[in-house]
Amino acid sequence: MELLNKIDIDWKNVKTIFRRELANYFNTPIGYIFLGIFVILVNFLFFFITRFFDRGYSLQGMFDMLKLIYLAFIPVITMRLWAEERRSGTVELLLTLPINEIELILGKYFSALVFLALALATTLVLPIIALYVSSPDLMVLFGSYLGALLSGSAYIAMGLYISWLTRDQITAFLLSFLACLFIYLLGYQPVLQFFGPLKELLGFLSVSWHSDSLAAGLLDTRDLLYYISFSALFIYLNKISIQNFRRGN
């Protein structure tokens, strides 16, 4: 609690930035297009690729598919958050407002996280069907969705930081995609086999490794702390970068 009290955050400012950024997703058709593509990839292709009805209405295939979809979807929703501000010059205006770096970052971070949560909400038809026709383990279902949201939050924090590093959205997308792919591969078993005794350590550093643990219905505080630490690290790096930018100006 003492640490939280030392962090100077005006949540009204965070809310202002959050509303601005969330509205930006829907002020143009782009946000709706992204959600539409997400719906098609997850809900429709899921039936054909994972054979939902033939495998006892298991949703494991959907969450495995989400790990791959995230590699492109998360960079798409984070690429413009800072890169467009820097390209258009509005970042200088933002930095003149009585809003500190953390408030700016958290406003953008939470807007992307809510957009991701809305995308995940479009998949709820699948567990509803599963609950209607079978008896899935509710703890596994809850853990799978929690893991999907938390892994997405970690990727968002990293993508937001990478977006700050460039003025070009396409570059931000490509760098975020490669970074997400690298973190994903750290938990990919066929890749880990090449690292011998280091495979457990590398696996622990992977976002997907911890989501697998949650998907098993095991709510381990170590997994929660991992996601909090991962996101906090990139939020901190983003804060330092903005402070350096301010000093440079």
Protein backbone atom coordinates (compact mmCIF):
# COMPACT_ATOMS: atom_id res chain seq x y z
CA MET A 1 0.00 0.00 0.00
CA GLU A 2 2.86 2.41 0.75
CA LEU A 3 4.23 1.84 -2.75
CA LEU A 4 0.86 2.59 -4.30
CA ASN A 5 0.56 5.78 -2.27
CA LYS A 6 3.91 6.98 -3.59
CA ILE A 7 2.70 6.66 -7.19
CA ASP A 8 1.13 9.97 -8.14
CA ILE A 9 -1.84 8.98 -10.28
CA ASP A 10 -4.94 11.08 -10.87
CA TRP A 11 -7.46 8.50 -12.06
CA LYS A 12 -9.62 11.24 -13.58
CA ASN A 13 -6.80 11.94 -16.01
CA VAL A 14 -6.45 8.21 -16.73
CA LYS A 15 -10.19 8.05 -17.41
CA THR A 16 -9.98 11.03 -19.79
CA ILE A 17 -7.20 9.42 -21.86
CA PHE A 18 -8.95 6.05 -21.69
CA ARG A 19 -12.19 7.47 -23.14
CA ARG A 20 -10.29 9.31 -25.87
CA GLU A 21 -8.35 6.24 -26.95
CA LEU A 22 -11.28 3.83 -26.74
CA ALA A 23 -13.37 6.20 -28.86
CA ASN A 24 -10.56 6.28 -31.45
CA TYR A 25 -11.06 2.56 -32.06
CA PHE A 26 -14.66 3.18 -33.10
CA ASN A 27 -14.50 6.64 -34.71
CA THR A 28 -13.54 4.94 -37.96
CA PRO A 29 -14.58 1.58 -39.47
CA ILE A 30 -11.14 0.15 -38.63
CA GLY A 31 -12.12 -0.91 -35.11
CA TYR A 32 -15.25 -2.67 -36.34
CA ILE A 33 -13.26 -4.35 -39.12
CA PHE A 34 -10.72 -5.66 -36.60
CA LEU A 35 -13.50 -7.04 -34.40
CA GLY A 36 -15.20 -8.57 -37.43
CA ILE A 37 -12.01 -10.32 -38.51
CA PHE A 38 -11.47 -11.55 -34.95
CA VAL A 39 -15.02 -12.97 -34.85
CA ILE A 40 -14.52 -14.78 -38.16
CA LEU A 41 -11.13 -16.23 -37.21
CA VAL A 42 -12.14 -17.42 -33.76
CA ASN A 43 -15.82 -18.32 -34.01
CA PHE A 44 -16.19 -19.64 -37.53
CA LEU A 45 -12.81 -21.11 -38.40
CA PHE A 46 -12.78 -22.76 -34.97
CA PHE A 47 -15.57 -25.13 -35.99
CA PHE A 48 -13.70 -26.25 -39.11
CA ILE A 49 -10.13 -26.40 -37.78
CA THR A 50 -10.65 -27.88 -34.33
CA ARG A 51 -13.79 -29.95 -35.05
CA PHE A 52 -15.63 -28.61 -32.02
CA PHE A 53 -18.61 -30.97 -32.37
CA ASP A 54 -16.43 -34.03 -33.00
CA ARG A 55 -14.23 -33.57 -29.93
CA GLY A 56 -16.78 -33.53 -27.15
CA TYR A 57 -17.37 -29.77 -27.36
CA SER A 58 -13.89 -29.05 -26.06
CA LEU A 59 -12.85 -25.38 -26.14
CA GLN A 60 -9.13 -26.09 -25.80
CA GLY A 61 -8.68 -25.68 -29.54
CA MET A 62 -10.11 -22.17 -29.41
CA PHE A 63 -7.66 -21.02 -26.74
CA ASP A 64 -4.77 -22.63 -28.61
CA MET A 65 -5.90 -20.72 -31.69
CA LEU A 66 -6.08 -17.48 -29.70
CA LYS A 67 -2.37 -17.73 -28.91
CA LEU A 68 -1.59 -17.57 -32.62
CA ILE A 69 -4.21 -14.93 -33.43
CA TYR A 70 -2.79 -12.71 -30.68
CA LEU A 71 0.56 -12.58 -32.47
CA ALA A 72 -1.04 -10.38 -35.14
CA PHE A 73 -4.14 -9.03 -33.38
CA ILE A 74 -2.37 -7.44 -30.40
CA PRO A 75 0.17 -5.55 -32.58
CA VAL A 76 -2.75 -4.29 -34.68
CA ILE A 77 -4.54 -2.75 -31.70
CA THR A 78 -1.38 -1.25 -30.17
CA MET A 79 0.54 -0.05 -33.25
CA ARG A 80 -1.17 3.34 -33.49
CA LEU A 81 -1.35 4.18 -29.77
CA TRP A 82 1.92 6.13 -29.71
CA ALA A 83 3.25 5.88 -33.26
CA GLU A 84 0.37 7.90 -34.71
CA GLU A 85 0.69 10.51 -31.96
CA ARG A 86 4.37 10.93 -32.77
CA ARG A 87 3.82 10.99 -36.54
CA SER A 88 1.10 13.63 -36.36
CA GLY A 89 2.85 15.70 -33.71
CA THR A 90 -0.02 15.49 -31.21
CA VAL A 91 2.30 13.84 -28.68
CA GLU A 92 3.85 17.24 -27.97
CA LEU A 93 0.40 18.62 -27.20
CA LEU A 94 -0.37 15.67 -24.92
CA LEU A 95 2.85 16.20 -23.00
CA THR A 96 1.99 19.85 -22.33
CA LEU A 97 -1.22 18.85 -20.54
CA PRO A 98 -1.27 18.52 -16.72
CA ILE A 99 -1.14 14.74 -17.08
CA ASN A 100 1.90 12.73 -16.06
CA GLU A 101 3.50 9.92 -18.02
CA ILE A 102 1.93 7.08 -16.06
CA GLU A 103 -1.55 8.53 -16.49
CA LEU A 104 -1.06 8.78 -20.25
CA ILE A 105 0.30 5.25 -20.49
CA LEU A 106 -2.39 3.69 -18.30
CA GLY A 107 -5.16 5.46 -20.23
CA LYS A 108 -3.88 4.01 -23.50
CA TYR A 109 -3.13 0.63 -21.93
CA PHE A 110 -6.62 0.19 -20.45
CA SER A 111 -8.29 1.31 -23.69
CA ALA A 112 -6.49 -1.44 -25.62
CA LEU A 113 -7.24 -3.94 -22.85
CA VAL A 114 -10.98 -3.14 -22.95
CA PHE A 115 -10.95 -3.42 -26.74
CA LEU A 116 -9.37 -6.86 -26.36
CA ALA A 117 -11.97 -7.81 -23.73
CA LEU A 118 -14.73 -6.82 -26.17
CA ALA A 119 -13.11 -9.05 -28.79
CA LEU A 120 -12.96 -11.95 -26.32
CA ALA A 121 -16.62 -11.35 -25.45
CA THR A 122 -17.54 -12.19 -29.05
CA THR A 123 -16.32 -15.75 -28.40
CA LEU A 124 -18.72 -16.36 -25.50
CA VAL A 125 -21.20 -18.04 -27.82
CA LEU A 126 -18.89 -21.07 -27.87
CA PRO A 127 -18.82 -21.74 -24.09
CA ILE A 128 -22.58 -21.07 -24.02
CA ILE A 129 -23.05 -23.83 -26.60
CA ALA A 130 -20.70 -26.10 -24.63
CA LEU A 131 -22.61 -25.46 -21.40
CA TYR A 132 -25.89 -26.21 -23.14
CA VAL A 133 -24.88 -29.51 -24.75
CA SER A 134 -22.29 -30.82 -22.25
CA SER A 135 -20.78 -30.21 -18.82
CA PRO A 136 -17.42 -28.46 -19.18
CA ASP A 137 -15.25 -27.84 -16.14
CA LEU A 138 -16.14 -24.28 -15.09
CA MET A 139 -12.78 -23.71 -13.36
CA VAL A 140 -10.96 -24.71 -16.53
CA LEU A 141 -13.23 -22.44 -18.58
CA PHE A 142 -12.72 -19.51 -16.20
CA GLY A 143 -8.96 -20.11 -16.06
CA SER A 144 -8.73 -20.28 -19.85
CA TYR A 145 -10.48 -16.94 -20.31
CA LEU A 146 -8.47 -15.38 -17.49
CA GLY A 147 -5.26 -16.65 -19.08
CA ALA A 148 -6.34 -15.29 -22.47
CA LEU A 149 -7.07 -11.86 -21.01
CA LEU A 150 -3.89 -11.71 -18.92
CA SER A 151 -1.63 -12.90 -21.74
CA GLY A 152 -3.25 -10.28 -23.95
CA SER A 153 -2.62 -7.62 -21.30
CA ALA A 154 1.08 -8.53 -21.24
CA TYR A 155 1.37 -8.33 -25.03
CA ILE A 156 -0.47 -4.99 -24.96
CA ALA A 157 2.00 -3.49 -22.48
CA MET A 158 4.89 -4.61 -24.69
CA GLY A 159 3.20 -3.43 -27.89
CA LEU A 160 2.42 -0.04 -26.34
CA TYR A 161 6.07 0.45 -25.45
CA ILE A 162 7.21 -0.60 -28.92
CA SER A 163 4.70 1.82 -30.47
CA TRP A 164 6.47 4.63 -28.62
CA LEU A 165 9.78 3.71 -30.25
CA THR A 166 8.68 4.57 -33.79
CA ARG A 167 6.64 7.13 -35.70
CA ASP A 168 5.38 4.60 -38.24
CA GLN A 169 2.44 2.28 -37.51
CA ILE A 170 3.59 -0.44 -39.90
CA THR A 171 7.02 -0.52 -38.28
CA ALA A 172 5.37 -0.64 -34.86
CA PHE A 173 3.21 -3.54 -36.04
CA LEU A 174 6.15 -5.54 -37.41
CA LEU A 175 8.34 -4.99 -34.34
CA SER A 176 5.48 -5.91 -31.99
CA PHE A 177 4.67 -8.98 -34.06
CA LEU A 178 8.28 -10.18 -33.87
CA ALA A 179 8.44 -9.46 -30.13
CA CYS A 180 5.18 -11.34 -29.47
CA LEU A 181 6.38 -14.23 -31.64
CA PHE A 182 9.64 -14.43 -29.70
CA ILE A 183 7.84 -14.48 -26.33
CA TYR A 184 5.39 -17.07 -27.67
CA LEU A 185 8.17 -19.36 -28.94
CA LEU A 186 9.80 -19.34 -25.51
CA GLY A 187 6.91 -21.51 -24.34
CA TYR A 188 6.68 -23.66 -27.47
CA GLN A 189 7.81 -27.17 -26.50
CA PRO A 190 9.47 -28.20 -29.82
CA VAL A 191 11.64 -25.07 -29.58
CA LEU A 192 12.43 -25.49 -25.89
CA GLN A 193 13.84 -28.97 -26.49
CA PHE A 194 16.93 -27.36 -28.05
CA PHE A 195 17.83 -25.51 -24.83
CA GLY A 196 18.30 -28.52 -22.55
CA PRO A 197 18.54 -27.49 -18.87
CA LEU A 198 17.48 -23.92 -19.70
CA LYS A 199 14.12 -24.95 -21.12
CA GLU A 200 12.27 -24.64 -17.81
CA LEU A 201 13.59 -21.13 -17.20
CA LEU A 202 12.80 -20.02 -20.76
CA GLY A 203 9.37 -21.60 -20.55
CA PHE A 204 8.67 -19.68 -17.34
CA LEU A 205 9.46 -16.43 -19.17
CA SER A 206 6.87 -17.19 -21.84
CA VAL A 207 3.44 -15.56 -21.78
CA SER A 208 1.79 -18.67 -23.23
CA TRP A 209 3.39 -20.98 -20.65
CA HIS A 210 1.55 -19.20 -17.84
CA SER A 211 -1.73 -19.10 -19.74
CA ASP A 212 -1.48 -22.90 -20.14
CA SER A 213 -1.17 -23.19 -16.36
CA LEU A 214 -4.30 -21.08 -15.84
CA ALA A 215 -6.13 -23.01 -18.57
CA ALA A 216 -5.63 -26.16 -16.53
CA GLY A 217 -7.79 -24.59 -13.82
CA LEU A 218 -4.82 -23.92 -11.54
CA LEU A 219 -5.05 -20.36 -10.20
CA ASP A 220 -1.44 -19.99 -9.08
CA THR A 221 -0.38 -16.61 -7.67
CA ARG A 222 2.96 -17.03 -9.45
CA ASP A 223 1.18 -16.80 -12.79
CA LEU A 224 -0.70 -13.68 -11.73
CA LEU A 225 2.50 -12.09 -10.43
CA TYR A 226 4.24 -12.93 -13.71
CA TYR A 227 1.65 -11.06 -15.76
CA ILE A 228 1.63 -8.09 -13.40
CA SER A 229 5.44 -7.93 -13.45
CA PHE A 230 5.64 -8.33 -17.22
CA SER A 231 3.16 -5.52 -17.84
CA ALA A 232 4.69 -3.30 -15.14
CA LEU A 233 8.15 -3.70 -16.71
CA PHE A 234 7.07 -2.38 -20.11
CA ILE A 235 4.90 0.35 -18.59
CA TYR A 236 7.97 1.46 -16.63
CA LEU A 237 10.16 1.38 -19.75
CA ASN A 238 7.53 3.42 -21.57
CA LYS A 239 7.51 5.95 -18.73
CA ILE A 240 11.31 6.30 -18.80
CA SER A 241 11.27 6.74 -22.59
CA ILE A 242 8.67 9.53 -22.37
CA GLN A 243 10.64 11.26 -19.63
CA ASN A 244 13.79 11.14 -21.78
CA PHE A 245 11.80 12.51 -24.72
CA ARG A 246 10.55 15.40 -22.56
CA ARG A 247 14.07 16.23 -21.45
CA GLY A 248 15.26 16.13 -25.05
CA ASN A 249 12.62 18.66 -25.99
